[in-house]
């Protein structure tokens, strides 16, 4: 049961992520059958305004001592920096030591990492910061492909809107599905979303403009719906199959099959966003051949089905058929 939540704000806090915590835990929803939650916005100096990342300030009513008995200590996103306030880090360690649940939204996970609370633990953060997070906290087990991670008394979420998913999940876990559904309904938000961060990541497009394979790579993209064997590609490059395979990995970092599969998934994303083509036609134009094969590769790469991706990202003026 969650009876109290303390949200910690520091300099350059992100207002949206703090707002998510306020929306889920800070609004009195007793009229909807939700048990009351003692919600506190806490800072190093109560009553002293804290700068946000935009043109407004937030004044915490409570100090860090208000974390002492909170069931959940929540850290909204804030600007990533080299160091964080020692007093805040100490307060987070104390909260963890007494058994409080720690919840971070987006890059709020950096505070937990800096406090040493993610060593050897599964966690996530915004995909944009995943590489930096791994560099700074190599002992943490980071999964950048999910919306949130539950590792017992530590729950971490991906970027921005994924904080809603994590908060509603925590409510569902500790207060029950009925309560989570009631809060989600008031927020006009799904109580649980499908997929993960991969559907929002800009997948890297391997370079097709340099190296000795430039013309072959360009031709593969131009004929993406054609089956390309290594033997045929090697002949086009005037190389032996062995030399071609070795050169391909050296110049692209992957095999011809994996490179082409990724390009087909990228092309499928564009078609799903911008056309009314049926799934079978998308599969044909991308070179997957069948809708089943498209679904297999697309979900493995993007983390969501083609149909789910289209629902989320299809442009509003596109009429979807098939």
Protein backbone atom coordinates (compact mmCIF):
# COMPACT_ATOMS: atom_id res chain seq x y z
CA UNK A 1 0.00 0.00 0.00
CA UNK A 2 1.25 3.49 -0.86
CA UNK A 3 0.27 6.00 1.81
CA UNK A 4 2.93 8.65 1.21
CA UNK A 5 5.09 9.80 -1.71
CA UNK A 6 7.97 12.27 -1.53
CA UNK A 7 9.10 13.84 -4.81
CA UNK A 8 12.63 15.26 -4.70
CA UNK A 9 13.37 18.36 -6.80
CA UNK A 10 16.80 19.81 -7.50
CA UNK A 11 18.08 22.59 -9.72
CA UNK A 12 16.87 22.39 -13.35
CA UNK A 13 14.17 19.84 -12.64
CA UNK A 14 11.92 18.90 -15.56
CA UNK A 15 8.38 20.22 -14.93
CA UNK A 16 6.59 17.57 -17.01
CA UNK A 17 8.12 14.64 -15.12
CA UNK A 18 7.36 16.32 -11.81
CA UNK A 19 3.86 16.94 -13.10
CA UNK A 20 3.45 13.22 -13.81
CA UNK A 21 4.17 12.47 -10.16
CA UNK A 22 1.75 15.20 -9.07
CA UNK A 23 -0.96 13.86 -11.40
CA UNK A 24 -0.68 10.23 -10.30
CA UNK A 25 0.05 10.63 -6.60
CA UNK A 26 -0.75 14.24 -5.67
CA UNK A 27 -4.40 14.69 -6.62
CA UNK A 28 -7.14 13.81 -4.16
CA UNK A 29 -9.14 11.08 -5.90
CA UNK A 30 -11.06 9.80 -2.89
CA UNK A 31 -14.31 10.63 -4.69
CA UNK A 32 -13.26 7.98 -7.24
CA UNK A 33 -12.54 5.41 -4.55
CA UNK A 34 -8.77 5.94 -4.44
CA UNK A 35 -7.21 5.89 -0.98
CA UNK A 36 -5.65 9.24 -0.03
CA UNK A 37 -1.90 9.65 -0.57
CA UNK A 38 0.24 12.09 1.40
CA UNK A 39 2.18 13.74 -1.42
CA UNK A 40 5.18 15.95 -0.65
CA UNK A 41 7.43 18.01 -2.92
CA UNK A 42 10.81 18.11 -1.19
CA UNK A 43 14.03 20.02 -1.69
CA UNK A 44 17.25 20.81 0.13
CA UNK A 45 15.80 24.09 1.37
CA UNK A 46 12.03 24.15 1.95
CA UNK A 47 10.41 27.37 0.81
CA UNK A 48 13.32 28.30 -1.46
CA UNK A 49 12.48 28.26 -5.21
CA UNK A 50 14.26 25.73 -7.41
CA UNK A 51 14.93 26.51 -11.06
CA UNK A 52 13.30 24.25 -13.62
CA UNK A 53 14.54 23.51 -17.13
CA UNK A 54 12.13 26.11 -18.52
CA UNK A 55 11.09 29.60 -17.52
CA UNK A 56 9.45 28.82 -14.18
CA UNK A 57 10.48 28.03 -10.63
CA UNK A 58 9.19 25.38 -8.24
CA UNK A 59 9.09 25.98 -4.51
CA UNK A 60 9.29 22.79 -2.43
CA UNK A 61 7.17 22.92 0.70
CA UNK A 62 9.18 20.23 2.48
CA UNK A 63 12.83 19.58 3.21
CA UNK A 64 14.74 16.34 2.79
CA UNK A 65 13.68 15.25 6.29
CA UNK A 66 10.25 14.57 4.78
CA UNK A 67 11.75 11.58 3.00
CA UNK A 68 12.29 9.84 6.33
CA UNK A 69 8.92 8.09 6.48
CA UNK A 70 7.72 8.21 2.84
CA UNK A 71 6.64 4.90 1.30
CA UNK A 72 7.85 6.03 -2.12
CA UNK A 73 10.69 8.45 -2.85
CA UNK A 74 10.39 9.69 -6.43
CA UNK A 75 13.01 11.45 -8.54
CA UNK A 76 11.76 13.31 -11.61
CA UNK A 77 14.09 14.05 -14.49
CA UNK A 78 16.50 16.94 -14.26
CA UNK A 79 19.44 18.20 -16.27
CA UNK A 80 22.23 15.62 -16.35
CA UNK A 81 25.38 16.92 -14.67
CA UNK A 82 28.74 15.73 -13.38
CA UNK A 83 27.81 15.94 -9.70
CA UNK A 84 24.59 15.98 -7.69
CA UNK A 85 23.84 17.53 -4.27
CA UNK A 86 25.51 15.36 -1.60
CA UNK A 87 22.64 15.92 0.83
CA UNK A 88 20.13 14.60 -1.71
CA UNK A 89 22.27 11.54 -2.45
CA UNK A 90 22.60 10.83 1.27
CA UNK A 91 18.84 11.15 1.75
CA UNK A 92 18.23 8.69 -1.09
CA UNK A 93 20.65 6.19 0.47
CA UNK A 94 18.90 6.51 3.81
CA UNK A 95 15.50 5.97 2.20
CA UNK A 96 16.77 2.86 0.43
CA UNK A 97 18.35 1.53 3.63
CA UNK A 98 15.06 1.70 5.54
CA UNK A 99 13.17 -0.06 2.72
CA UNK A 100 11.40 2.75 0.88
CA UNK A 101 10.55 2.21 -2.79
CA UNK A 102 12.64 4.44 -5.05
CA UNK A 103 11.09 5.60 -8.31
CA UNK A 104 12.96 7.53 -11.00
CA UNK A 105 11.57 9.06 -14.17
CA UNK A 106 13.75 9.45 -17.27
CA UNK A 107 17.26 10.63 -16.39
CA UNK A 108 16.33 10.85 -12.72
CA UNK A 109 18.03 7.45 -12.69
CA UNK A 110 21.37 9.32 -12.75
CA UNK A 111 20.77 10.40 -9.14
CA UNK A 112 20.15 6.80 -8.10
CA UNK A 113 23.28 5.75 -9.97
CA UNK A 114 25.34 8.53 -8.38
CA UNK A 115 24.08 7.42 -4.97
CA UNK A 116 25.34 3.90 -5.70
CA UNK A 117 21.84 2.46 -5.53
CA UNK A 118 21.84 0.82 -8.97
CA UNK A 119 25.04 -1.21 -8.72
CA UNK A 120 24.27 -4.71 -9.95
CA UNK A 121 20.61 -3.85 -10.42
CA UNK A 122 18.38 -3.84 -13.48
CA UNK A 123 17.26 -0.37 -14.54
CA UNK A 124 16.49 1.89 -17.47
CA UNK A 125 16.60 5.54 -18.48
CA UNK A 126 15.82 7.59 -21.57
CA UNK A 127 17.36 5.93 -24.62
CA UNK A 128 19.22 9.13 -25.47
CA UNK A 129 21.20 8.90 -22.22
CA UNK A 130 21.73 5.13 -22.14
CA UNK A 131 25.31 5.19 -23.45
CA UNK A 132 26.35 7.94 -21.03
CA UNK A 133 24.61 6.12 -18.20
CA UNK A 134 26.51 2.90 -18.93
CA UNK A 135 29.78 4.81 -19.06
CA UNK A 136 29.21 6.47 -15.70
CA UNK A 137 27.64 3.51 -13.92
CA UNK A 138 29.15 0.34 -15.42
CA UNK A 139 27.88 -1.85 -12.56
CA UNK A 140 24.24 -1.05 -13.36
CA UNK A 141 22.37 -3.44 -15.66
CA UNK A 142 20.74 -1.04 -18.14
CA UNK A 143 17.98 -2.08 -20.54
CA UNK A 144 17.32 0.83 -22.93
CA UNK A 145 14.56 -1.01 -24.81
CA UNK A 146 11.81 -0.98 -22.16
CA UNK A 147 9.40 1.62 -20.79
CA UNK A 148 10.23 0.83 -17.17
CA UNK A 149 12.01 -1.71 -14.98
CA UNK A 150 10.80 -3.13 -11.67
CA UNK A 151 13.73 -4.34 -9.58
CA UNK A 152 11.96 -4.74 -6.27
CA UNK A 153 12.27 -1.56 -4.23
CA UNK A 154 13.72 0.33 -7.21
CA UNK A 155 11.55 1.22 -10.20
CA UNK A 156 13.12 3.18 -13.07
CA UNK A 157 11.41 4.51 -16.17
CA UNK A 158 12.40 5.61 -19.63
CA UNK A 159 11.85 9.12 -20.97
CA UNK A 160 9.00 11.50 -20.22
CA UNK A 161 5.70 9.75 -20.98
CA UNK A 162 7.15 6.40 -19.87
CA UNK A 163 7.05 7.92 -16.39
CA UNK A 164 3.27 7.67 -16.57
CA UNK A 165 3.61 3.96 -17.33
CA UNK A 166 5.97 3.43 -14.41
CA UNK A 167 3.81 5.37 -11.95
CA UNK A 168 0.62 3.55 -12.94
CA UNK A 169 2.48 0.24 -12.78
CA UNK A 170 3.66 1.03 -9.25
CA UNK A 171 0.10 1.91 -8.26
CA UNK A 172 -1.14 -1.35 -9.76
CA UNK A 173 1.60 -3.34 -8.03
CA UNK A 174 1.17 -1.81 -4.57
CA UNK A 175 -2.46 -0.62 -4.55
CA UNK A 176 -4.21 -2.96 -6.95
CA UNK A 177 -5.49 -2.97 -10.52
CA UNK A 178 -8.78 -1.27 -9.64
CA UNK A 179 -6.98 1.76 -8.21
CA UNK A 180 -4.59 1.96 -11.17
CA UNK A 181 -7.53 1.75 -13.58
CA UNK A 182 -9.38 4.51 -11.74
CA UNK A 183 -6.39 6.88 -11.84
CA UNK A 184 -5.66 6.05 -15.49
CA UNK A 185 -9.28 6.72 -16.42
CA UNK A 186 -9.16 10.16 -14.75
CA UNK A 187 -5.92 10.90 -16.61
CA UNK A 188 -7.40 9.63 -19.91
CA UNK A 189 -4.33 7.40 -20.18
CA UNK A 190 -3.95 3.69 -20.89
CA UNK A 191 -3.28 1.74 -17.66
CA UNK A 192 -0.65 -0.23 -19.55
CA UNK A 193 0.99 0.35 -22.94
CA UNK A 194 2.42 -2.18 -25.34
CA UNK A 195 5.96 -2.11 -26.63
CA UNK A 196 9.06 -0.35 -25.38
CA UNK A 197 11.47 2.47 -26.09
CA UNK A 198 12.69 0.90 -29.31
CA UNK A 199 9.58 2.11 -31.14
CA UNK A 200 10.63 5.71 -30.38
CA UNK A 201 14.35 5.42 -31.09
CA UNK A 202 15.83 6.76 -34.31
CA UNK A 203 17.41 3.56 -35.56
CA UNK A 204 20.88 4.19 -37.01
CA UNK A 205 21.17 3.90 -40.76
CA UNK A 206 24.57 2.40 -41.64
CA UNK A 207 26.62 4.60 -43.93
CA UNK A 208 26.16 3.84 -47.61
CA UNK A 209 28.25 6.75 -48.89
CA UNK A 210 31.82 5.72 -48.20
CA UNK A 211 34.18 2.80 -48.48
CA UNK A 212 34.76 0.35 -51.26
CA UNK A 213 31.22 -1.04 -50.99
CA UNK A 214 29.45 2.28 -51.54
CA UNK A 215 27.94 1.32 -54.89
CA UNK A 216 26.85 -2.11 -53.69
CA UNK A 217 25.19 -0.69 -50.57
CA UNK A 218 23.37 1.92 -52.61
CA UNK A 219 22.18 -0.74 -55.05
CA UNK A 220 20.93 -2.91 -52.16
CA UNK A 221 18.84 0.01 -50.94
CA UNK A 222 17.48 0.71 -54.41
CA UNK A 223 16.48 -2.96 -54.80
CA UNK A 224 15.47 -3.56 -51.19
CA UNK A 225 12.53 -5.80 -52.17
CA UNK A 226 14.84 -8.23 -53.99
CA UNK A 227 16.41 -11.31 -52.41
CA UNK A 228 20.17 -10.71 -52.25
CA UNK A 229 22.51 -13.64 -51.73
CA UNK A 230 26.07 -13.11 -50.58
CA UNK A 231 27.25 -14.79 -53.77
CA UNK A 232 25.32 -12.34 -55.96
CA UNK A 233 26.49 -9.34 -53.94
CA UNK A 234 30.10 -10.54 -54.09
CA UNK A 235 29.91 -10.86 -57.88
CA UNK A 236 28.55 -7.34 -58.11
CA UNK A 237 31.45 -6.10 -55.99
CA UNK A 238 33.95 -8.12 -58.06
CA UNK A 239 35.13 -9.97 -54.97
CA UNK A 240 35.20 -13.53 -53.73
CA UNK A 241 32.44 -14.37 -51.28
CA UNK A 242 34.91 -14.66 -48.43
CA UNK A 243 36.57 -11.32 -49.17
CA UNK A 244 33.20 -9.62 -49.64
CA UNK A 245 31.82 -10.92 -46.34
CA UNK A 246 34.95 -9.81 -44.48
CA UNK A 247 34.98 -6.37 -46.14
CA UNK A 248 31.26 -5.88 -45.49
CA UNK A 249 31.64 -6.45 -41.75
CA UNK A 250 34.71 -4.21 -41.66
CA UNK A 251 32.91 -1.30 -43.36
CA UNK A 252 29.40 -1.59 -41.87
CA UNK A 253 30.00 -3.36 -38.58
CA UNK A 254 27.54 -6.12 -39.37
CA UNK A 255 26.76 -8.90 -41.85
CA UNK A 256 25.01 -8.37 -45.21
CA UNK A 257 21.90 -10.18 -43.96
CA UNK A 258 21.62 -8.14 -40.74
CA UNK A 259 22.34 -4.88 -42.56
CA UNK A 260 19.66 -5.54 -45.17
CA UNK A 261 17.14 -6.68 -42.56
CA UNK A 262 17.59 -3.42 -40.64
CA UNK A 263 17.16 -1.38 -43.82
CA UNK A 264 13.95 -3.27 -44.58
CA UNK A 265 12.61 -2.57 -41.10
CA UNK A 266 13.45 1.12 -41.52
CA UNK A 267 11.66 1.17 -44.87
CA UNK A 268 8.69 -0.60 -43.31
CA UNK A 269 8.51 2.07 -40.60
CA UNK A 270 8.26 4.77 -43.25
CA UNK A 271 5.56 2.91 -45.16
CA UNK A 272 3.56 2.27 -41.99
CA UNK A 273 3.75 5.96 -41.08
CA UNK A 274 3.04 7.45 -44.50
CA UNK A 275 0.98 5.05 -46.62
CA UNK A 276 -2.29 3.18 -46.64
CA UNK A 277 -0.72 -0.05 -47.88
CA UNK A 278 -1.86 -3.36 -46.40
CA UNK A 279 0.57 -5.31 -44.23
CA UNK A 280 1.13 -7.83 -47.00
CA UNK A 281 1.97 -5.07 -49.47
CA UNK A 282 4.31 -3.39 -46.97
CA UNK A 283 6.03 -6.74 -46.51
CA UNK A 284 6.35 -7.21 -50.27
CA UNK A 285 7.76 -3.74 -50.90
CA UNK A 286 10.27 -4.13 -48.09
CA UNK A 287 11.50 -7.51 -49.26
CA UNK A 288 10.11 -9.55 -46.37
CA UNK A 289 7.72 -11.37 -48.67
CA UNK A 290 4.97 -12.12 -46.14
CA UNK A 291 3.21 -10.26 -43.39
CA UNK A 292 4.30 -12.93 -40.91
CA UNK A 293 7.97 -12.38 -41.70
CA UNK A 294 7.51 -8.61 -41.53
CA UNK A 295 5.93 -8.96 -38.10
CA UNK A 296 8.75 -11.20 -36.86
CA UNK A 297 11.61 -8.89 -37.86
CA UNK A 298 9.77 -5.65 -37.10
CA UNK A 299 8.80 -6.64 -33.56
CA UNK A 300 12.27 -8.00 -32.81
CA UNK A 301 13.89 -4.74 -33.97
CA UNK A 302 11.38 -2.07 -32.93
CA UNK A 303 9.78 -3.82 -29.97
CA UNK A 304 6.19 -3.54 -31.17
CA UNK A 305 4.12 -5.13 -33.92
CA UNK A 306 3.74 -3.36 -37.28
CA UNK A 307 0.02 -2.88 -36.59
CA UNK A 308 0.76 -1.40 -33.17
CA UNK A 309 3.40 0.90 -34.63
CA UNK A 310 0.98 2.11 -37.29
CA UNK A 311 -1.66 2.89 -34.66
CA UNK A 312 0.86 4.96 -32.72
CA UNK A 313 2.65 6.75 -35.54
CA UNK A 314 0.55 6.78 -38.70
CA UNK A 315 0.06 10.36 -39.87
CA UNK A 316 -3.41 11.67 -39.22
CA UNK A 317 -4.17 12.36 -42.88
CA UNK A 318 -3.37 8.78 -43.98
CA UNK A 319 -6.28 6.45 -44.50
CA UNK A 320 -5.17 2.96 -43.43
CA UNK A 321 -6.51 -0.06 -45.30
CA UNK A 322 -5.78 -3.76 -45.33
